[in-house]
């Protein structure tokens, strides 16, 4: 099997910079629009009313993109790890594509920490120290009861060392494991036999176990804690499902686009079919989790639980997006990918995969914005602009990583099985 190397051309780089430039322009237009009256003048918080500023909407959008793209980079590495842990042969020719998503992890870590230190007070209500002071008029007994989760071993309302410590440890371990997986995977190019394959299988099992625990905790920290009074025992799964199906869609999209450029001769319509089935199945899985969480809260009708959906359902800013979220992320992929042909042909993947990615970005928008901005949320040039900047930067980093090594390991012990994969 001939080795294939991806070339990150000057034209592709130029197109990505143009795309990010459009994002910068849209962001500036959005900031001007919001600062000139695109938002309401009062921000309704748990502790009352205070003035709304345009930069709060910028902060909320930075956090949406930080969380979404951090998750996308992690589930790429997870997909790679699962292939080894499951001893899967069909994916031998494509699994380096999602592995390259992991190159974004250090960027995600820096962006997340910087955004927290700059904007944490505006994004997270629980950072306000008066919530923990019994003598303060802003005292909140529910949030005070959760103080140790953020501030331990320090006093509640001081510096959230436990919260930030988790964030740093998670990113550090994720990055170290990604680097080790990548290093051993690239060694497979020059060393034949099964030694590296077995090594990757052990490393992958460790990554999967650590990811299972850390990704759930990260979703509680980074997303669920925004609505501090509210909680859902299904939230870790829900957050993961959204990340996971986005990662599958991006993997499928890159694979078919590479095929168009003459790369990945090892990949045929059977491999694309498998990726299509994953997108179809996990779109249904996401909906199952969404509906299970919604139905339990709706049926129990407990005010402190239902408020989460009421804020999204009854608000004029969010209600159309609430329903659009279900249409893009469930009805559209379910109906389009139902047939065998739709899963096997690149032209369908090129339509459905970007829709799924954008749809789940919207899902994170709906998870984060209502809790952060209350009735001052909106959707316009600012949201699109920052999404373009992050998307362009993420794809730039991924493609740069992909160009550093062959697209698949010619010494992979299951390469022959992948070549003859048929479904």
Protein backbone atom coordinates (compact mmCIF):
# COMPACT_ATOMS: atom_id res chain seq x y z
CA UNK A 1 0.00 0.00 0.00
CA UNK A 2 1.45 3.37 -1.06
CA UNK A 3 1.88 5.95 1.70
CA UNK A 4 -0.33 9.04 1.36
CA UNK A 5 0.66 12.45 2.73
CA UNK A 6 -1.77 15.33 2.94
CA UNK A 7 -0.47 18.62 1.54
CA UNK A 8 -1.71 21.72 3.34
CA UNK A 9 -1.54 24.03 0.35
CA UNK A 10 -1.07 27.81 0.32
CA UNK A 11 -4.47 28.12 -1.39
CA UNK A 12 -6.23 26.25 1.44
CA UNK A 13 -4.46 28.42 4.03
CA UNK A 14 -5.46 31.56 2.13
CA UNK A 15 -9.11 30.44 1.98
CA UNK A 16 -9.11 29.77 5.73
CA UNK A 17 -7.64 33.21 6.44
CA UNK A 18 -10.30 34.82 4.22
CA UNK A 19 -12.98 32.85 6.09
CA UNK A 20 -11.58 34.03 9.44
CA UNK A 21 -11.34 37.58 8.06
CA UNK A 22 -15.05 37.48 7.22
CA UNK A 23 -15.58 36.29 10.80
CA UNK A 24 -13.65 39.27 12.20
CA UNK A 25 -15.69 41.66 10.02
CA UNK A 26 -18.99 40.09 11.13
CA UNK A 27 -17.87 40.23 14.77
CA UNK A 28 -17.09 43.96 14.50
CA UNK A 29 -20.46 44.61 12.81
CA UNK A 30 -22.16 42.56 15.54
CA UNK A 31 -20.41 44.44 18.37
CA UNK A 32 -21.40 47.82 16.84
CA UNK A 33 -24.99 46.60 16.42
CA UNK A 34 -25.27 45.33 20.01
CA UNK A 35 -23.58 48.41 21.54
CA UNK A 36 -25.95 50.70 19.63
CA UNK A 37 -29.02 49.03 21.09
CA UNK A 38 -29.07 45.43 19.88
CA UNK A 39 -29.62 44.31 23.49
CA UNK A 40 -32.03 45.36 26.23
CA UNK A 41 -30.83 47.70 28.95
CA UNK A 42 -31.48 45.47 31.93
CA UNK A 43 -29.92 42.08 32.55
CA UNK A 44 -32.12 39.97 34.79
CA UNK A 45 -29.93 38.01 37.14
CA UNK A 46 -30.69 35.80 40.13
CA UNK A 47 -29.73 38.69 42.41
CA UNK A 48 -31.90 41.28 40.62
CA UNK A 49 -31.36 43.70 37.73
CA UNK A 50 -28.14 45.29 36.54
CA UNK A 51 -26.99 47.05 33.41
CA UNK A 52 -26.33 45.03 30.26
CA UNK A 53 -23.15 45.74 28.28
CA UNK A 54 -22.27 44.64 24.75
CA UNK A 55 -19.12 42.84 25.92
CA UNK A 56 -21.22 40.41 27.97
CA UNK A 57 -22.64 39.04 24.73
CA UNK A 58 -19.09 38.71 23.37
CA UNK A 59 -18.06 36.82 26.52
CA UNK A 60 -21.03 34.43 26.22
CA UNK A 61 -20.11 33.67 22.60
CA UNK A 62 -16.46 33.14 23.44
CA UNK A 63 -17.53 30.57 26.02
CA UNK A 64 -19.89 28.79 23.58
CA UNK A 65 -17.05 28.38 21.06
CA UNK A 66 -14.48 27.44 23.71
CA UNK A 67 -16.68 24.62 24.99
CA UNK A 68 -17.86 23.42 21.57
CA UNK A 69 -14.44 23.25 19.91
CA UNK A 70 -12.72 21.85 23.01
CA UNK A 71 -15.26 19.02 22.92
CA UNK A 72 -14.79 18.52 19.19
CA UNK A 73 -11.03 18.09 19.65
CA UNK A 74 -11.55 15.59 22.48
CA UNK A 75 -14.12 13.37 20.76
CA UNK A 76 -11.82 13.13 17.74
CA UNK A 77 -9.18 11.53 19.98
CA UNK A 78 -11.92 9.44 21.61
CA UNK A 79 -13.00 8.05 18.22
CA UNK A 80 -9.37 7.09 17.52
CA UNK A 81 -9.06 5.43 20.95
CA UNK A 82 -12.32 3.50 20.57
CA UNK A 83 -11.10 1.96 17.29
CA UNK A 84 -8.08 0.47 19.06
CA UNK A 85 -9.92 -0.56 22.23
CA UNK A 86 -12.59 -2.28 20.11
CA UNK A 87 -9.91 -3.87 17.87
CA UNK A 88 -11.77 -2.45 14.86
CA UNK A 89 -10.23 -3.07 11.46
CA UNK A 90 -12.60 -1.18 9.13
CA UNK A 91 -11.33 2.24 10.25
CA UNK A 92 -7.59 1.64 9.71
CA UNK A 93 -7.53 4.07 6.79
CA UNK A 94 -9.41 6.96 8.37
CA UNK A 95 -8.69 7.11 12.09
CA UNK A 96 -5.81 9.56 11.81
CA UNK A 97 -8.31 12.18 10.60
CA UNK A 98 -10.13 12.45 13.98
CA UNK A 99 -6.83 11.98 15.85
CA UNK A 100 -5.63 15.26 14.32
CA UNK A 101 -8.54 17.09 16.04
CA UNK A 102 -6.57 16.67 19.27
CA UNK A 103 -4.04 19.28 18.09
CA UNK A 104 -6.60 21.90 19.20
CA UNK A 105 -6.46 20.77 22.88
CA UNK A 106 -3.64 23.16 23.99
CA UNK A 107 -5.32 26.08 22.19
CA UNK A 108 -8.62 25.18 23.84
CA UNK A 109 -6.93 25.09 27.26
CA UNK A 110 -5.37 28.55 26.88
CA UNK A 111 -8.57 30.09 25.45
CA UNK A 112 -10.68 28.55 28.21
CA UNK A 113 -8.44 29.79 31.03
CA UNK A 114 -7.97 33.28 29.57
CA UNK A 115 -11.72 33.64 28.93
CA UNK A 116 -12.46 32.56 32.50
CA UNK A 117 -10.07 35.11 34.04
CA UNK A 118 -11.35 37.90 31.79
CA UNK A 119 -15.05 37.06 31.69
CA UNK A 120 -15.76 34.48 34.40
CA UNK A 121 -17.62 37.01 36.56
CA UNK A 122 -20.02 37.76 33.69
CA UNK A 123 -20.46 34.13 32.55
CA UNK A 124 -20.81 32.37 35.92
CA UNK A 125 -23.27 33.77 38.47
CA UNK A 126 -21.75 31.59 41.21
CA UNK A 127 -18.50 33.66 41.16
CA UNK A 128 -20.23 36.61 42.92
CA UNK A 129 -18.93 36.52 46.52
CA UNK A 130 -22.04 38.16 48.06
CA UNK A 131 -24.02 34.97 47.27
CA UNK A 132 -22.08 33.20 50.05
CA UNK A 133 -22.30 35.94 52.71
CA UNK A 134 -25.19 35.25 55.08
CA UNK A 135 -25.38 38.96 56.02
CA UNK A 136 -25.56 40.13 52.40
CA UNK A 137 -28.92 40.95 50.77
CA UNK A 138 -27.72 38.89 47.78
CA UNK A 139 -27.20 35.72 49.87
CA UNK A 140 -28.38 32.58 48.06
CA UNK A 141 -28.67 29.49 50.25
CA UNK A 142 -28.84 27.08 47.27
CA UNK A 143 -25.67 28.41 45.62
CA UNK A 144 -23.95 28.70 49.02
CA UNK A 145 -24.67 25.01 49.54
CA UNK A 146 -22.78 24.24 46.33
CA UNK A 147 -19.83 26.50 47.24
CA UNK A 148 -17.42 23.69 48.14
CA UNK A 149 -17.72 22.24 44.62
CA UNK A 150 -16.17 25.42 43.21
CA UNK A 151 -13.97 26.81 46.01
CA UNK A 152 -12.73 23.90 48.17
CA UNK A 153 -10.42 23.96 50.13
CA UNK A 154 -10.75 27.76 50.26
CA UNK A 155 -13.68 29.72 51.63
CA UNK A 156 -16.79 29.84 49.42
CA UNK A 157 -16.88 33.06 47.41
CA UNK A 158 -13.10 33.50 47.33
CA UNK A 159 -10.90 32.02 44.56
CA UNK A 160 -12.43 28.95 42.77
CA UNK A 161 -9.28 26.84 43.05
CA UNK A 162 -11.15 23.50 42.90
CA UNK A 163 -13.01 24.53 39.73
CA UNK A 164 -9.87 25.84 37.96
CA UNK A 165 -7.74 22.97 39.28
CA UNK A 166 -10.08 20.47 37.61
CA UNK A 167 -9.93 22.41 34.36
CA UNK A 168 -6.10 22.49 34.35
CA UNK A 169 -5.74 18.81 35.32
CA UNK A 170 -8.25 17.67 32.69
CA UNK A 171 -6.58 19.59 29.88
CA UNK A 172 -3.12 18.49 30.99
CA UNK A 173 -4.03 14.77 31.07
CA UNK A 174 -6.00 15.00 27.80
CA UNK A 175 -3.07 16.65 26.06
CA UNK A 176 -0.47 14.23 27.47
CA UNK A 177 -2.57 11.22 26.42
CA UNK A 178 -3.22 12.70 22.97
CA UNK A 179 0.50 13.33 22.49
CA UNK A 180 1.38 9.79 23.56
CA UNK A 181 -1.29 8.24 21.28
CA UNK A 182 -0.07 10.39 18.38
CA UNK A 183 3.59 9.53 19.00
CA UNK A 184 2.98 5.76 19.12
CA UNK A 185 0.62 5.94 16.11
CA UNK A 186 3.28 7.71 14.02
CA UNK A 187 5.88 5.13 15.07
CA UNK A 188 3.63 2.55 13.41
CA UNK A 189 4.71 4.05 10.06
CA UNK A 190 8.25 2.76 10.45
CA UNK A 191 7.83 -0.30 12.70
CA UNK A 192 5.93 -3.33 11.40
CA UNK A 193 4.35 -6.03 13.53
CA UNK A 194 1.78 -5.71 16.31
CA UNK A 195 3.86 -4.18 19.13
CA UNK A 196 2.66 -0.61 18.53
CA UNK A 197 -0.91 -1.77 17.97
CA UNK A 198 -0.99 -3.46 21.40
CA UNK A 199 0.59 -0.38 22.99
CA UNK A 200 -2.05 1.84 21.40
CA UNK A 201 -4.80 -0.48 22.61
CA UNK A 202 -3.65 -0.09 26.25
CA UNK A 203 -3.26 3.68 25.96
CA UNK A 204 -6.67 3.94 24.30
CA UNK A 205 -8.39 2.06 27.12
CA UNK A 206 -6.84 4.47 29.63
CA UNK A 207 -7.93 7.51 27.58
CA UNK A 208 -11.52 6.22 27.28
CA UNK A 209 -11.83 5.66 31.05
CA UNK A 210 -10.36 9.05 31.90
CA UNK A 211 -12.51 10.77 29.27
CA UNK A 212 -15.69 9.12 30.59
CA UNK A 213 -15.20 10.70 34.02
CA UNK A 214 -13.55 13.99 33.05
CA UNK A 215 -15.86 14.94 30.18
CA UNK A 216 -18.94 14.63 32.40
CA UNK A 217 -17.36 16.71 35.15
CA UNK A 218 -16.20 19.27 32.58
CA UNK A 219 -19.77 19.58 31.28
CA UNK A 220 -21.05 20.23 34.83
CA UNK A 221 -18.32 22.82 35.39
CA UNK A 222 -18.33 24.63 32.06
CA UNK A 223 -22.00 24.47 31.08
CA UNK A 224 -24.39 23.25 33.77
CA UNK A 225 -22.97 25.52 36.50
CA UNK A 226 -24.03 28.57 34.42
CA UNK A 227 -27.63 27.81 35.52
CA UNK A 228 -26.43 27.33 39.09
CA UNK A 229 -29.81 26.55 40.69
CA UNK A 230 -30.66 23.98 38.05
CA UNK A 231 -29.18 20.54 37.58
CA UNK A 232 -29.79 17.39 35.59
CA UNK A 233 -28.34 13.96 36.33
CA UNK A 234 -28.37 13.30 32.56
CA UNK A 235 -26.43 16.41 31.62
CA UNK A 236 -23.02 14.73 31.22
CA UNK A 237 -24.51 12.28 28.71
CA UNK A 238 -26.40 15.01 26.92
CA UNK A 239 -23.31 17.19 26.56
CA UNK A 240 -21.26 14.21 25.37
CA UNK A 241 -23.89 13.18 22.80
CA UNK A 242 -23.79 16.66 21.25
CA UNK A 243 -19.97 16.70 21.10
CA UNK A 244 -19.77 13.12 19.82
CA UNK A 245 -22.16 13.42 16.88
CA UNK A 246 -20.46 16.70 15.86
CA UNK A 247 -17.09 14.91 15.86
CA UNK A 248 -18.47 12.05 13.75
CA UNK A 249 -19.96 14.53 11.26
CA UNK A 250 -16.68 16.45 10.97
CA UNK A 251 -14.73 13.21 10.47
CA UNK A 252 -17.13 12.09 7.71
CA UNK A 253 -17.00 15.52 6.04
CA UNK A 254 -13.18 15.66 5.98
CA UNK A 255 -12.99 12.06 4.67
CA UNK A 256 -15.30 12.76 1.70
CA UNK A 257 -13.56 16.07 0.92
CA UNK A 258 -10.16 14.35 0.98
CA UNK A 259 -11.55 11.67 -1.35
CA UNK A 260 -12.60 14.46 -3.74
CA UNK A 261 -9.02 15.74 -3.75
CA UNK A 262 -7.66 12.31 -4.67
CA UNK A 263 -6.53 11.26 -1.19
CA UNK A 264 -7.56 8.18 0.83
CA UNK A 265 -7.65 5.67 -2.02
CA UNK A 266 -7.97 3.03 0.70
CA UNK A 267 -11.43 4.41 1.60
CA UNK A 268 -14.47 3.25 -0.38
CA UNK A 269 -18.24 3.70 -0.16
CA UNK A 270 -18.43 1.00 2.53
CA UNK A 271 -16.32 3.09 4.91
CA UNK A 272 -18.43 6.17 4.11
CA UNK A 273 -21.53 4.05 4.78
CA UNK A 274 -20.21 3.22 8.25
CA UNK A 275 -19.57 6.88 9.01
CA UNK A 276 -23.08 7.67 7.71
CA UNK A 277 -24.55 5.02 10.01
CA UNK A 278 -22.71 6.54 12.97
CA UNK A 279 -24.11 9.99 12.15
CA UNK A 280 -27.61 8.54 11.78
CA UNK A 281 -27.46 6.45 14.95
CA UNK A 282 -25.97 9.10 17.20
CA UNK A 283 -28.35 11.79 15.96
CA UNK A 284 -31.07 9.48 17.29
CA UNK A 285 -29.06 8.88 20.48
CA UNK A 286 -28.74 12.65 21.06
CA UNK A 287 -32.51 13.00 20.57
CA UNK A 288 -33.16 10.14 22.98
CA UNK A 289 -31.10 11.88 25.67
CA UNK A 290 -32.67 15.28 24.86
CA UNK A 291 -36.19 13.88 25.07
CA UNK A 292 -35.52 11.80 28.19
CA UNK A 293 -34.18 14.85 30.03
CA UNK A 294 -37.02 17.06 28.79
CA UNK A 295 -39.81 14.55 29.47
CA UNK A 296 -38.72 13.80 33.05
CA UNK A 297 -38.58 17.51 33.86
CA UNK A 298 -41.85 18.26 32.04
CA UNK A 299 -43.71 15.40 33.74
CA UNK A 300 -42.42 16.11 37.26
CA UNK A 301 -43.22 19.83 36.80
CA UNK A 302 -40.96 20.96 39.66
CA UNK A 303 -40.45 24.75 39.32
CA UNK A 304 -36.67 24.75 39.95
CA UNK A 305 -36.28 22.16 37.16
CA UNK A 306 -38.80 23.47 34.61
CA UNK A 307 -37.31 26.99 34.68
CA UNK A 308 -34.46 25.73 32.48
CA UNK A 309 -36.85 24.94 29.62
CA UNK A 310 -39.25 27.81 30.32
CA UNK A 311 -36.38 30.30 29.79
CA UNK A 312 -35.67 28.75 26.40
CA UNK A 313 -39.23 27.92 25.36
CA UNK A 314 -41.08 31.11 26.25
CA UNK A 315 -38.45 33.73 25.39
CA UNK A 316 -38.83 35.33 21.94
CA UNK A 317 -35.04 35.23 21.36
CA UNK A 318 -34.65 31.54 22.06
CA UNK A 319 -37.98 29.87 21.22
CA UNK A 320 -37.44 29.73 17.40
CA UNK A 321 -33.92 28.37 17.95
CA UNK A 322 -35.25 25.86 20.49
CA UNK A 323 -37.45 24.26 17.81
CA UNK A 324 -34.85 24.72 15.06
CA UNK A 325 -32.41 22.77 17.25
CA UNK A 326 -34.69 19.71 17.12
CA UNK A 327 -35.32 20.05 13.37
CA UNK A 328 -31.62 20.32 12.42
CA UNK A 329 -30.29 17.77 14.89
CA UNK A 330 -32.99 15.12 14.71
CA UNK A 331 -35.62 15.37 11.97
CA UNK A 332 -33.23 16.42 9.21
CA UNK A 333 -30.51 13.73 9.72
CA UNK A 334 -33.13 11.10 10.60
CA UNK A 335 -35.13 11.60 7.39
CA UNK A 336 -32.19 12.22 5.03
CA UNK A 337 -29.90 9.43 6.30
CA UNK A 338 -32.61 6.80 6.59
CA UNK A 339 -31.88 5.16 3.22
CA UNK A 340 -28.81 3.05 2.46
CA UNK A 341 -27.81 5.19 -0.52
CA UNK A 342 -27.79 8.41 1.49
CA UNK A 343 -25.21 6.95 3.88
CA UNK A 344 -22.93 5.76 1.06
CA UNK A 345 -22.67 8.78 -1.21
CA UNK A 346 -20.45 11.78 -0.63
CA UNK A 347 -23.00 14.29 -1.96
CA UNK A 348 -25.37 13.48 0.93
CA UNK A 349 -22.56 13.58 3.52
CA UNK A 350 -21.47 17.01 2.21
CA UNK A 351 -24.95 18.38 2.96
CA UNK A 352 -25.85 16.58 6.17
CA UNK A 353 -22.48 16.70 8.00
CA UNK A 354 -22.14 20.53 8.00
CA UNK A 355 -25.79 20.79 9.08
CA UNK A 356 -25.15 18.48 12.05
CA UNK A 357 -22.02 20.43 13.08
CA UNK A 358 -23.80 23.80 12.90
CA UNK A 359 -26.87 22.26 14.57
CA UNK A 360 -24.88 21.11 17.58
CA UNK A 361 -23.06 24.42 17.83
CA UNK A 362 -26.59 25.86 18.10
CA UNK A 363 -27.29 23.28 20.83
CA UNK A 364 -24.40 24.69 22.87
CA UNK A 365 -25.64 28.21 22.17
CA UNK A 366 -28.97 27.20 23.75
CA UNK A 367 -27.22 25.56 26.70
CA UNK A 368 -25.07 28.60 27.50
CA UNK A 369 -26.64 31.88 26.31
CA UNK A 370 -30.01 31.92 28.20
CA UNK A 371 -28.29 31.27 31.54
CA UNK A 372 -25.61 33.89 30.87
CA UNK A 373 -27.53 36.71 29.20
CA UNK A 374 -31.13 35.96 30.24
CA UNK A 375 -33.42 38.08 28.03
CA UNK A 376 -30.49 39.97 26.43
CA UNK A 377 -29.51 37.10 24.16
CA UNK A 378 -29.75 37.34 20.43
CA UNK A 379 -28.53 35.72 17.28
CA UNK A 380 -26.83 37.78 14.59
CA UNK A 381 -23.54 38.92 13.06
CA UNK A 382 -21.66 38.66 16.38
CA UNK A 383 -22.57 34.99 16.88
CA UNK A 384 -21.78 34.08 13.26
CA UNK A 385 -18.53 36.07 13.26
CA UNK A 386 -17.04 34.41 16.32
CA UNK A 387 -18.16 30.99 15.09
CA UNK A 388 -16.35 31.67 11.76
CA UNK A 389 -13.15 32.76 13.55
CA UNK A 390 -13.10 29.68 15.79
CA UNK A 391 -14.06 27.32 12.94
CA UNK A 392 -11.32 28.67 10.67
CA UNK A 393 -8.69 28.49 13.42
CA UNK A 394 -9.76 24.97 14.43
CA UNK A 395 -9.65 23.64 10.84
CA UNK A 396 -6.26 25.36 10.29
CA UNK A 397 -4.78 23.60 13.33
CA UNK A 398 -6.33 20.24 12.34
CA UNK A 399 -5.10 20.39 8.72
CA UNK A 400 -1.62 21.45 9.86
CA UNK A 401 -1.53 18.40 12.14
CA UNK A 402 -2.82 16.11 9.36
CA UNK A 403 0.00 17.25 7.05
CA UNK A 404 2.68 16.18 9.56
CA UNK A 405 2.36 12.44 8.96
CA UNK A 406 0.90 9.97 6.41
CA UNK A 407 -2.91 9.82 6.37
CA UNK A 408 -2.83 6.19 7.49
CA UNK A 409 -0.24 3.76 8.86
CA UNK A 410 0.95 1.44 6.10
CA UNK A 411 2.08 -1.06 8.79
CA UNK A 412 -1.25 -1.20 10.60
CA UNK A 413 -1.91 -4.92 11.26
CA UNK A 414 -5.57 -4.57 10.16
CA UNK A 415 -5.01 -2.57 6.99
CA UNK A 416 -5.82 -5.59 4.83
CA UNK A 417 -9.12 -6.03 6.62
CA UNK A 418 -9.96 -2.36 5.95
CA UNK A 419 -9.10 -2.76 2.25
CA UNK A 420 -11.63 -5.59 1.94
CA UNK A 421 -14.27 -4.00 4.15
CA UNK A 422 -17.71 -4.56 2.67
CA UNK A 423 -21.20 -3.96 4.07
